[in-house]
């Protein structure tokens, strides 16, 4: 099928009435309607067995849907050869799936070679991608997977998924197998990559903190494969759609809103009578309330300066943080 509509208005991924029912009658996904915009990072989150990984695998047809229609860039993927489809979609899993007896650079070269690139071109592409994900190819290229840490292997998995320059990247619990400190670092690095490359990403996680930290939008799945809510992190935390979502997001969702609520100059106090020396540490006007509150709590001044470049634009106080959180509820 030929794509229809303008690229600007057409979502990169569209699921319409997509469902998966197994022969024993188990409903894994129930009549799912979901759209993912171009360059958007969407997180699928929910309890175990809610259908989020099944949904991801239906997009690249590792699992065939029972009902519905799946479009990528306006084209129905159900009529495409599944092997060819998967070659055009990056796929990253928690276990990484590297070839244990191949060197790291060879692992990353796999996809370009499948596309018929010469070994020289494929190696050059692999080395560029290793550098992009923070692994010096001269240091790590000739090592084997067992010689890398879990976080380093995960980076290799991301590099390999990007090797064919796919417009769509599917990620299933990509950071779940590493320790919390490395996990946050990998999340930060991937968000930087996402900003630079502009890929359309669908990421499955069981961790609501990871979902609201990374996602432009978050899809919360309930048991039985039902989509309970699809919203921005701020909307999800501020206005849960029902009791299930409220319980899943947790009683600390007010604190989580700090991580997704940006500083609003409307909630700043004026600088009248306050010198830069009195302010101490400062944050950028583009920071989140969480970042500002962390600075505020490290200081005994009871306020933090907010700067736009080199210029102070106001002062944020604890009362300002409270007003901003209340305003975020709409």
Protein backbone atom coordinates (compact mmCIF):
# COMPACT_ATOMS: atom_id res chain seq x y z
CA UNK A 1 0.00 0.00 0.00
CA UNK A 2 1.27 3.47 -0.86
CA UNK A 3 1.59 5.96 1.99
CA UNK A 4 -1.15 8.59 2.16
CA UNK A 5 -1.33 12.02 3.75
CA UNK A 6 1.42 14.56 4.31
CA UNK A 7 4.56 13.48 6.21
CA UNK A 8 4.01 16.24 8.78
CA UNK A 9 0.51 15.07 9.73
CA UNK A 10 0.95 11.34 9.29
CA UNK A 11 2.16 9.40 12.33
CA UNK A 12 5.18 7.16 11.84
CA UNK A 13 3.41 4.23 13.55
CA UNK A 14 -0.35 3.67 13.67
CA UNK A 15 -2.10 0.70 15.30
CA UNK A 16 -5.82 0.49 14.55
CA UNK A 17 -7.94 -2.07 16.39
CA UNK A 18 -4.90 -4.30 16.86
CA UNK A 19 -5.50 -7.37 18.99
CA UNK A 20 -3.82 -10.64 19.84
CA UNK A 21 -5.76 -13.68 21.06
CA UNK A 22 -3.99 -17.01 21.46
CA UNK A 23 -5.59 -20.36 20.50
CA UNK A 24 -6.42 -21.14 24.14
CA UNK A 25 -8.53 -17.98 24.29
CA UNK A 26 -6.02 -15.83 26.19
CA UNK A 27 -6.34 -12.18 25.16
CA UNK A 28 -2.86 -10.64 25.19
CA UNK A 29 -3.82 -7.32 23.55
CA UNK A 30 -7.35 -5.96 23.30
CA UNK A 31 -8.39 -3.79 20.30
CA UNK A 32 -5.50 -1.34 20.61
CA UNK A 33 -5.56 2.05 18.92
CA UNK A 34 -2.22 3.86 19.22
CA UNK A 35 -0.31 6.45 17.20
CA UNK A 36 3.36 7.36 17.50
CA UNK A 37 4.51 10.59 15.87
CA UNK A 38 7.66 11.03 13.83
CA UNK A 39 10.68 11.46 16.04
CA UNK A 40 8.65 10.69 19.15
CA UNK A 41 9.79 8.44 21.99
CA UNK A 42 6.82 6.52 23.41
CA UNK A 43 7.09 4.25 26.44
CA UNK A 44 4.79 1.25 26.96
CA UNK A 45 4.47 0.45 30.65
CA UNK A 46 2.33 -1.81 32.81
CA UNK A 47 2.34 -4.90 35.03
CA UNK A 48 3.69 -8.26 33.87
CA UNK A 49 1.46 -9.97 31.32
CA UNK A 50 -0.37 -6.81 30.26
CA UNK A 51 0.55 -7.07 26.56
CA UNK A 52 3.19 -4.34 26.23
CA UNK A 53 5.94 -6.62 24.86
CA UNK A 54 3.41 -8.42 22.66
CA UNK A 55 2.41 -5.04 21.20
CA UNK A 56 6.03 -4.20 20.46
CA UNK A 57 6.62 -7.55 18.74
CA UNK A 58 3.49 -7.14 16.61
CA UNK A 59 4.93 -3.93 15.15
CA UNK A 60 7.83 -5.86 13.56
CA UNK A 61 5.73 -9.04 13.23
CA UNK A 62 7.74 -11.23 15.51
CA UNK A 63 4.19 -11.91 16.71
CA UNK A 64 1.38 -11.77 14.17
CA UNK A 65 -1.72 -9.81 15.23
CA UNK A 66 -5.08 -11.59 15.31
CA UNK A 67 -7.03 -8.47 14.37
CA UNK A 68 -6.45 -4.91 13.28
CA UNK A 69 -4.06 -2.98 11.09
CA UNK A 70 -0.49 -1.81 11.66
CA UNK A 71 0.99 0.98 9.55
CA UNK A 72 4.53 2.29 9.43
CA UNK A 73 4.99 5.54 7.56
CA UNK A 74 1.50 5.12 6.12
CA UNK A 75 2.07 1.63 4.70
CA UNK A 76 0.29 -1.49 5.97
CA UNK A 77 3.05 -3.80 7.23
CA UNK A 78 0.91 -6.94 7.18
CA UNK A 79 1.49 -7.26 3.44
CA UNK A 80 5.27 -6.92 3.67
CA UNK A 81 7.71 -9.81 3.90
CA UNK A 82 8.43 -9.97 7.66
CA UNK A 83 12.18 -10.52 7.20
CA UNK A 84 12.46 -7.46 4.98
CA UNK A 85 10.28 -5.49 7.42
CA UNK A 86 12.57 -6.30 10.36
CA UNK A 87 15.66 -5.26 8.43
CA UNK A 88 14.22 -1.75 8.31
CA UNK A 89 13.37 -1.62 12.02
CA UNK A 90 15.97 -1.44 14.77
CA UNK A 91 15.29 -3.86 17.63
CA UNK A 92 16.97 -3.83 21.04
CA UNK A 93 16.23 -6.34 23.80
CA UNK A 94 17.31 -6.63 27.42
CA UNK A 95 19.48 -9.69 26.75
CA UNK A 96 21.17 -7.80 23.87
CA UNK A 97 21.63 -10.99 21.80
CA UNK A 98 25.19 -10.39 20.64
CA UNK A 99 27.02 -13.18 18.83
CA UNK A 100 29.38 -14.45 21.58
CA UNK A 101 32.16 -15.69 19.28
CA UNK A 102 32.34 -12.54 17.15
CA UNK A 103 34.28 -9.43 18.03
CA UNK A 104 32.28 -6.32 18.93
CA UNK A 105 32.95 -4.49 15.68
CA UNK A 106 31.85 -7.58 13.73
CA UNK A 107 28.63 -7.77 15.75
CA UNK A 108 27.80 -4.18 14.78
CA UNK A 109 28.75 -4.81 11.14
CA UNK A 110 26.13 -7.59 10.82
CA UNK A 111 23.24 -5.51 9.50
CA UNK A 112 25.18 -3.42 6.94
CA UNK A 113 26.68 -6.64 5.58
CA UNK A 114 23.18 -8.12 5.26
CA UNK A 115 22.28 -5.09 3.15
CA UNK A 116 25.17 -5.85 0.80
CA UNK A 117 27.62 -3.20 2.00
CA UNK A 118 31.29 -3.92 1.47
CA UNK A 119 33.29 -5.01 4.51
CA UNK A 120 35.20 -1.71 4.47
CA UNK A 121 31.98 0.37 4.41
CA UNK A 122 30.32 -1.82 7.05
CA UNK A 123 33.34 -1.55 9.34
CA UNK A 124 33.48 2.21 8.94
CA UNK A 125 29.77 2.45 9.79
CA UNK A 126 30.23 0.16 12.81
CA UNK A 127 33.13 2.21 14.14
CA UNK A 128 31.14 5.44 13.73
CA UNK A 129 28.24 3.94 15.70
CA UNK A 130 30.48 2.58 18.44
CA UNK A 131 31.91 6.05 18.87
CA UNK A 132 28.36 7.48 18.88
CA UNK A 133 27.30 5.26 21.81
CA UNK A 134 30.46 6.03 23.78
CA UNK A 135 32.62 2.99 23.01
CA UNK A 136 36.00 3.83 21.50
CA UNK A 137 36.34 1.36 18.58
CA UNK A 138 40.12 1.25 18.97
CA UNK A 139 39.66 0.06 22.56
CA UNK A 140 36.54 -2.11 22.32
CA UNK A 141 36.24 -3.10 18.66
CA UNK A 142 38.36 -6.25 18.88
CA UNK A 143 36.98 -7.44 22.21
CA UNK A 144 34.39 -10.18 22.62
CA UNK A 145 31.01 -9.70 24.34
CA UNK A 146 32.08 -11.54 27.51
CA UNK A 147 34.89 -9.00 27.95
CA UNK A 148 32.40 -6.12 28.28
CA UNK A 149 30.23 -5.05 31.20
CA UNK A 150 26.45 -5.34 31.00
CA UNK A 151 26.12 -1.63 30.28
CA UNK A 152 28.74 -1.77 27.54
CA UNK A 153 27.02 -4.76 25.91
CA UNK A 154 23.75 -2.83 25.98
CA UNK A 155 25.41 0.05 24.15
CA UNK A 156 26.64 -2.39 21.51
CA UNK A 157 23.07 -3.61 21.12
CA UNK A 158 21.90 -0.04 20.49
CA UNK A 159 24.73 0.53 18.00
CA UNK A 160 23.84 -2.64 16.10
CA UNK A 161 20.17 -1.65 15.98
CA UNK A 162 21.14 1.71 14.49
CA UNK A 163 23.51 0.20 11.92
CA UNK A 164 20.97 0.20 9.08
CA UNK A 165 19.89 3.78 9.96
CA UNK A 166 16.28 2.65 10.58
CA UNK A 167 13.54 5.28 10.97
CA UNK A 168 11.91 3.18 13.72
CA UNK A 169 13.59 1.70 16.79
CA UNK A 170 11.84 -0.84 19.04
CA UNK A 171 13.30 -1.44 22.50
CA UNK A 172 12.14 -4.13 24.95
CA UNK A 173 13.38 -3.50 28.52
CA UNK A 174 16.70 -2.27 27.07
CA UNK A 175 18.16 -1.05 30.37
CA UNK A 176 16.64 -3.58 32.73
CA UNK A 177 19.68 -5.84 33.16
CA UNK A 178 22.13 -3.25 34.50
CA UNK A 179 22.59 -1.71 37.93
CA UNK A 180 20.69 1.51 38.81
CA UNK A 181 23.64 3.89 38.41
CA UNK A 182 24.58 2.53 34.98
CA UNK A 183 20.91 2.47 34.03
CA UNK A 184 20.48 6.21 34.61
CA UNK A 185 23.67 6.88 32.63
CA UNK A 186 22.44 4.75 29.73
CA UNK A 187 19.06 6.50 29.81
CA UNK A 188 20.78 9.89 29.62
CA UNK A 189 23.01 8.78 26.76
CA UNK A 190 20.11 7.34 24.83
CA UNK A 191 18.04 10.51 25.28
CA UNK A 192 21.00 12.46 23.88
CA UNK A 193 21.16 10.08 20.91
CA UNK A 194 17.43 10.42 20.40
CA UNK A 195 17.69 14.21 20.30
CA UNK A 196 20.58 14.03 17.82
CA UNK A 197 19.18 11.33 15.52
CA UNK A 198 15.42 12.02 15.70
CA UNK A 199 14.43 8.35 15.48
CA UNK A 200 10.89 7.20 16.22
CA UNK A 201 11.21 4.99 19.30
CA UNK A 202 8.82 2.65 21.09
CA UNK A 203 10.29 1.46 24.39
CA UNK A 204 8.81 -1.18 26.70
CA UNK A 205 9.52 -0.92 30.41
CA UNK A 206 7.98 -2.11 33.67
CA UNK A 207 9.44 0.91 35.49
CA UNK A 208 7.13 3.93 35.71
CA UNK A 209 10.07 6.17 36.69
CA UNK A 210 11.90 5.19 33.50
CA UNK A 211 8.74 5.74 31.46
CA UNK A 212 8.05 9.27 32.71
CA UNK A 213 11.73 10.18 32.56
CA UNK A 214 12.23 9.11 28.95
CA UNK A 215 8.90 9.21 27.17
CA UNK A 216 7.40 12.06 25.19
CA UNK A 217 4.21 10.10 25.81
CA UNK A 218 3.47 7.08 27.98
CA UNK A 219 0.99 4.27 27.26
CA UNK A 220 -0.15 2.50 30.44
CA UNK A 221 -1.43 -1.03 29.83
CA UNK A 222 -3.73 -2.84 32.24
CA UNK A 223 -4.10 -6.58 32.78
CA UNK A 224 -5.91 -8.16 29.84
CA UNK A 225 -4.09 -6.08 27.25
CA UNK A 226 -6.25 -2.99 27.66
CA UNK A 227 -4.82 0.48 27.09
CA UNK A 228 -5.71 2.35 30.27
CA UNK A 229 -4.20 5.75 29.41
CA UNK A 230 -2.01 7.34 26.74
CA UNK A 231 -0.68 10.75 27.71
CA UNK A 232 2.34 12.93 28.28
CA UNK A 233 4.21 12.23 31.52
CA UNK A 234 2.87 15.44 33.08
CA UNK A 235 -0.73 14.56 32.16
CA UNK A 236 -0.32 10.99 33.37
CA UNK A 237 1.06 12.04 36.75
CA UNK A 238 -1.29 14.98 37.20
CA UNK A 239 -4.52 13.45 35.93
CA UNK A 240 -4.59 9.62 36.04
CA UNK A 241 -7.46 8.32 33.91
CA UNK A 242 -8.78 5.86 36.51
CA UNK A 243 -8.00 4.11 39.80
CA UNK A 244 -5.82 1.50 38.07
CA UNK A 245 -3.57 4.16 36.55
CA UNK A 246 -3.46 6.10 39.83
CA UNK A 247 -2.42 2.96 41.72
CA UNK A 248 0.14 1.99 39.08
CA UNK A 249 1.70 5.45 38.97
CA UNK A 250 1.82 5.35 42.77
CA UNK A 251 1.14 7.55 45.74
CA UNK A 252 4.40 9.45 45.09
CA UNK A 253 3.22 10.72 41.71
CA UNK A 254 3.26 14.27 43.14
CA UNK A 255 7.01 13.93 43.64
CA UNK A 256 7.43 12.33 40.21
CA UNK A 257 5.77 15.40 38.68
CA UNK A 258 8.84 17.36 39.76
CA UNK A 259 10.85 15.40 37.17
CA UNK A 260 8.59 16.35 34.25
CA UNK A 261 7.50 19.88 35.18
CA UNK A 262 9.72 22.63 33.77
CA UNK A 263 10.37 25.89 35.54
CA UNK A 264 7.78 28.48 34.54
CA UNK A 265 8.97 32.11 34.80
CA UNK A 266 5.45 33.00 35.96
CA UNK A 267 6.18 31.25 39.27
CA UNK A 268 9.45 33.06 39.95
CA UNK A 269 9.91 35.85 42.46
CA UNK A 270 11.44 39.09 41.19
CA UNK A 271 15.08 39.84 41.85
CA UNK A 272 14.33 43.11 43.62
CA UNK A 273 16.88 43.65 46.37
CA UNK A 274 18.58 40.28 45.84
CA UNK A 275 22.19 40.20 44.65
CA UNK A 276 23.85 37.37 42.73
CA UNK A 277 26.04 36.73 45.78
CA UNK A 278 22.98 36.19 47.95
CA UNK A 279 21.55 33.66 45.52
CA UNK A 280 24.51 31.27 45.55
CA UNK A 281 23.90 28.40 43.11
CA UNK A 282 21.64 28.90 40.12
CA UNK A 283 19.81 26.75 37.56
CA UNK A 284 18.97 27.32 33.93
CA UNK A 285 15.46 28.44 33.03
CA UNK A 286 15.07 25.19 31.03
CA UNK A 287 15.61 23.01 34.11
CA UNK A 288 12.93 20.89 35.77
CA UNK A 289 11.49 21.57 39.21
CA UNK A 290 13.33 18.47 40.45
CA UNK A 291 16.69 19.92 39.39
CA UNK A 292 15.86 23.28 40.95
CA UNK A 293 14.64 21.72 44.20
CA UNK A 294 17.82 19.62 44.46
CA UNK A 295 19.92 22.80 44.26
CA UNK A 296 17.63 24.58 46.70
CA UNK A 297 17.92 21.78 49.28
CA UNK A 298 21.72 21.73 49.05
CA UNK A 299 21.84 25.40 50.06
CA UNK A 300 20.64 27.14 53.19
CA UNK A 301 19.53 30.30 51.40
CA UNK A 302 15.92 29.13 50.90
CA UNK A 303 15.87 30.19 47.24
CA UNK A 304 17.62 29.47 43.98
CA UNK A 305 18.40 31.85 41.16
CA UNK A 306 17.11 31.08 37.67
CA UNK A 307 19.19 32.16 34.69
CA UNK A 308 18.57 32.53 30.98
CA UNK A 309 22.11 32.32 29.68
CA UNK A 310 24.16 34.79 31.71
CA UNK A 311 21.12 36.80 32.83
CA UNK A 312 19.14 36.17 36.01
CA UNK A 313 15.39 36.13 35.32
CA UNK A 314 14.07 35.51 38.82
CA UNK A 315 14.20 33.54 42.03
CA UNK A 316 12.52 30.21 42.75
CA UNK A 317 11.41 29.60 46.34
CA UNK A 318 9.69 26.59 47.96
CA UNK A 319 6.38 28.45 47.59
CA UNK A 320 7.12 28.85 43.89
CA UNK A 321 7.70 25.09 43.54
CA UNK A 322 4.36 24.45 45.25
CA UNK A 323 2.53 26.93 42.99
CA UNK A 324 4.11 25.37 39.89
CA UNK A 325 3.04 21.86 40.90
CA UNK A 326 -0.50 22.99 41.63
CA UNK A 327 -0.67 24.82 38.29
CA UNK A 328 0.55 21.68 36.47
CA UNK A 329 -2.68 19.96 37.46
CA UNK A 330 -4.55 22.36 35.15
